[in-house]
Amino acid sequence: MVRLKETKVRVTMKLSALWDAKTHVFHGAKVIHGTSRATSTFKHQVNGCRVKIEALFADSEFSSRPNVQLCANKGIKAAIKPQKNATPKANLHGAIM
């Protein structure tokens, strides 16, 4: 009889959700593996939402120029916490915007 070594593996999951703070209704949710980035779910959830999003609050994991630009193009007031290593984008004259 062969005895296999028992190992423990921690499995983590992340929940990415669109929630309306006024009506307390979830408009979208996606569960992803903890090792993957949730950034890829942002575009699909915002574009797939059937109601008009007026304001959006997000964690620093969703802080990227494409995500902020998507919100601006859709007329969404985005409040996304910047990442710790984020640098402001300079304009053509070298001044920080």
C-alpha atoms as a PDB file:
ATOM      1  CA  MET A   1       0.000   0.000   0.000  1.00  0.00           C
ATOM      2  CA  VAL A   2       1.381   3.392  -1.041  1.00  0.00           C
ATOM      3  CA  ARG A   3       0.652   6.266   1.258  1.00  0.00           C
ATOM      4  CA  LEU A   4       0.508   9.701  -0.359  1.00  0.00           C
ATOM      5  CA  LYS A   5       1.708  12.784   1.443  1.00  0.00           C
ATOM      6  CA  GLU A   6      -1.139  15.014   2.500  1.00  0.00           C
ATOM      7  CA  THR A   7      -0.669  18.657   1.568  1.00  0.00           C
ATOM      8  CA  LYS A   8      -2.767  21.671   2.322  1.00  0.00           C
ATOM      9  CA  VAL A   9      -3.402  24.291  -0.317  1.00  0.00           C
ATOM     10  CA  ARG A  10      -5.012  27.620   0.375  1.00  0.00           C
ATOM     11  CA  VAL A  11      -7.555  28.523  -2.289  1.00  0.00           C
ATOM     12  CA  THR A  12      -8.574  32.173  -2.382  1.00  0.00           C
ATOM     13  CA  MET A  13     -11.272  33.856  -4.428  1.00  0.00           C
ATOM     14  CA  LYS A  14     -12.077  37.505  -5.120  1.00  0.00           C
ATOM     15  CA  LEU A  15     -15.478  39.056  -5.631  1.00  0.00           C
ATOM     16  CA  SER A  16     -15.741  41.929  -8.068  1.00  0.00           C
ATOM     17  CA  ALA A  17     -19.190  43.537  -7.914  1.00  0.00           C
ATOM     18  CA  LEU A  18     -21.184  46.523  -9.176  1.00  0.00           C
ATOM     19  CA  TRP A  19     -23.446  47.687  -6.361  1.00  0.00           C
ATOM     20  CA  ASP A  20     -25.838  50.639  -6.274  1.00  0.00           C
ATOM     21  CA  ALA A  21     -25.407  52.425  -2.961  1.00  0.00           C
ATOM     22  CA  LYS A  22     -28.754  54.276  -3.254  1.00  0.00           C
ATOM     23  CA  THR A  23     -31.020  51.321  -4.017  1.00  0.00           C
ATOM     24  CA  HIS A  24     -28.852  48.587  -2.410  1.00  0.00           C
ATOM     25  CA  VAL A  25     -29.022  46.454  -5.565  1.00  0.00           C
ATOM     26  CA  PHE A  26     -26.220  44.446  -7.157  1.00  0.00           C
ATOM     27  CA  HIS A  27     -26.018  45.070 -10.919  1.00  0.00           C
ATOM     28  CA  GLY A  28     -23.176  42.672 -11.610  1.00  0.00           C
ATOM     29  CA  ALA A  29     -20.795  40.326  -9.871  1.00  0.00           C
ATOM     30  CA  LYS A  30     -17.908  38.098 -10.870  1.00  0.00           C
ATOM     31  CA  VAL A  31     -15.915  35.648  -8.769  1.00  0.00           C
ATOM     32  CA  ILE A  32     -12.296  35.174  -9.857  1.00  0.00           C
ATOM     33  CA  HIS A  33      -9.378  33.152  -8.569  1.00  0.00           C
ATOM     34  CA  GLY A  34      -7.323  34.973  -5.949  1.00  0.00           C
ATOM     35  CA  THR A  35      -4.104  34.657  -7.927  1.00  0.00           C
ATOM     36  CA  SER A  36      -5.496  36.501 -10.965  1.00  0.00           C
ATOM     37  CA  ARG A  37      -5.974  40.238 -11.302  1.00  0.00           C
ATOM     38  CA  ALA A  38      -9.474  41.683 -11.068  1.00  0.00           C
ATOM     39  CA  THR A  39      -8.561  44.510 -13.441  1.00  0.00           C
ATOM     40  CA  SER A  40      -9.764  42.541 -16.446  1.00  0.00           C
ATOM     41  CA  THR A  41     -13.306  42.357 -15.047  1.00  0.00           C
ATOM     42  CA  PHE A  42     -13.718  46.151 -14.812  1.00  0.00           C
ATOM     43  CA  LYS A  43     -14.328  46.857 -18.514  1.00  0.00           C
ATOM     44  CA  HIS A  44     -16.762  43.972 -18.929  1.00  0.00           C
ATOM     45  CA  GLN A  45     -18.777  44.895 -15.853  1.00  0.00           C
ATOM     46  CA  VAL A  46     -18.998  48.614 -16.681  1.00  0.00           C
ATOM     47  CA  ASN A  47     -19.915  47.961 -20.326  1.00  0.00           C
ATOM     48  CA  GLY A  48     -22.364  45.203 -19.380  1.00  0.00           C
ATOM     49  CA  CYS A  49     -24.249  47.212 -16.782  1.00  0.00           C
ATOM     50  CA  ARG A  50     -27.837  47.880 -17.907  1.00  0.00           C
ATOM     51  CA  VAL A  51     -28.355  50.975 -15.750  1.00  0.00           C
ATOM     52  CA  LYS A  52     -26.625  54.333 -16.122  1.00  0.00           C
ATOM     53  CA  ILE A  53     -23.664  54.626 -13.778  1.00  0.00           C
ATOM     54  CA  GLU A  54     -23.336  58.171 -12.409  1.00  0.00           C
ATOM     55  CA  ALA A  55     -20.464  57.676  -9.950  1.00  0.00           C
ATOM     56  CA  LEU A  56     -18.089  54.792  -9.393  1.00  0.00           C
ATOM     57  CA  PHE A  57     -15.918  54.018  -6.383  1.00  0.00           C
ATOM     58  CA  ALA A  58     -13.183  51.411  -6.799  1.00  0.00           C
ATOM     59  CA  ASP A  59     -10.203  49.929  -5.007  1.00  0.00           C
ATOM     60  CA  SER A  60      -6.628  50.686  -6.073  1.00  0.00           C
ATOM     61  CA  GLU A  61      -6.481  47.357  -7.931  1.00  0.00           C
ATOM     62  CA  PHE A  62      -8.706  48.927 -10.619  1.00  0.00           C
ATOM     63  CA  SER A  63      -6.546  52.042 -10.899  1.00  0.00           C
ATOM     64  CA  SER A  64      -5.285  52.157 -14.482  1.00  0.00           C
ATOM     65  CA  ARG A  65      -5.368  54.719 -17.260  1.00  0.00           C
ATOM     66  CA  PRO A  66      -7.633  52.577 -19.483  1.00  0.00           C
ATOM     67  CA  ASN A  67     -10.159  52.152 -16.649  1.00  0.00           C
ATOM     68  CA  VAL A  68     -10.184  55.864 -15.825  1.00  0.00           C
ATOM     69  CA  GLN A  69     -10.483  56.708 -19.540  1.00  0.00           C
ATOM     70  CA  LEU A  70     -13.403  54.271 -19.915  1.00  0.00           C
ATOM     71  CA  CYS A  71     -15.230  56.031 -17.084  1.00  0.00           C
ATOM     72  CA  ALA A  72     -14.534  59.441 -18.624  1.00  0.00           C
ATOM     73  CA  ASN A  73     -15.816  58.310 -22.034  1.00  0.00           C
ATOM     74  CA  LYS A  74     -19.055  57.046 -20.463  1.00  0.00           C
ATOM     75  CA  GLY A  75     -19.548  60.216 -18.379  1.00  0.00           C
ATOM     76  CA  ILE A  76     -18.978  58.406 -15.084  1.00  0.00           C
ATOM     77  CA  LYS A  77     -17.520  60.305 -12.133  1.00  0.00           C
ATOM     78  CA  ALA A  78     -14.806  57.881 -11.042  1.00  0.00           C
ATOM     79  CA  ALA A  79     -13.235  57.852  -7.595  1.00  0.00           C
ATOM     80  CA  ILE A  80     -10.541  55.202  -7.890  1.00  0.00           C
ATOM     81  CA  LYS A  81      -7.817  55.121  -5.265  1.00  0.00           C
ATOM     82  CA  PRO A  82      -4.420  55.405  -7.014  1.00  0.00           C
ATOM     83  CA  GLN A  83      -1.854  52.665  -6.580  1.00  0.00           C
ATOM     84  CA  LYS A  84       1.105  53.278  -4.278  1.00  0.00           C
ATOM     85  CA  ASN A  85       3.573  53.283  -7.181  1.00  0.00           C
ATOM     86  CA  ALA A  86       1.443  55.509  -9.466  1.00  0.00           C
ATOM     87  CA  THR A  87       3.110  58.474 -11.152  1.00  0.00           C
ATOM     88  CA  PRO A  88       1.226  61.431 -12.608  1.00  0.00           C
ATOM     89  CA  LYS A  89       1.280  61.741 -16.373  1.00  0.00           C
ATOM     90  CA  ALA A  90       3.228  64.762 -17.684  1.00  0.00           C
ATOM     91  CA  ASN A  91       1.859  66.923 -20.496  1.00  0.00           C
ATOM     92  CA  LEU A  92       3.843  68.038 -23.575  1.00  0.00           C
ATOM     93  CA  HIS A  93       5.526  70.945 -21.764  1.00  0.00           C
ATOM     94  CA  GLY A  94       6.892  68.717 -19.007  1.00  0.00           C
ATOM     95  CA  ALA A  95       4.583  70.088 -16.314  1.00  0.00           C
ATOM     96  CA  ILE A  96       2.648  67.599 -14.212  1.00  0.00           C
ATOM     97  CA  MET A  97      -1.061  67.660 -14.896  1.00  0.00           C
END
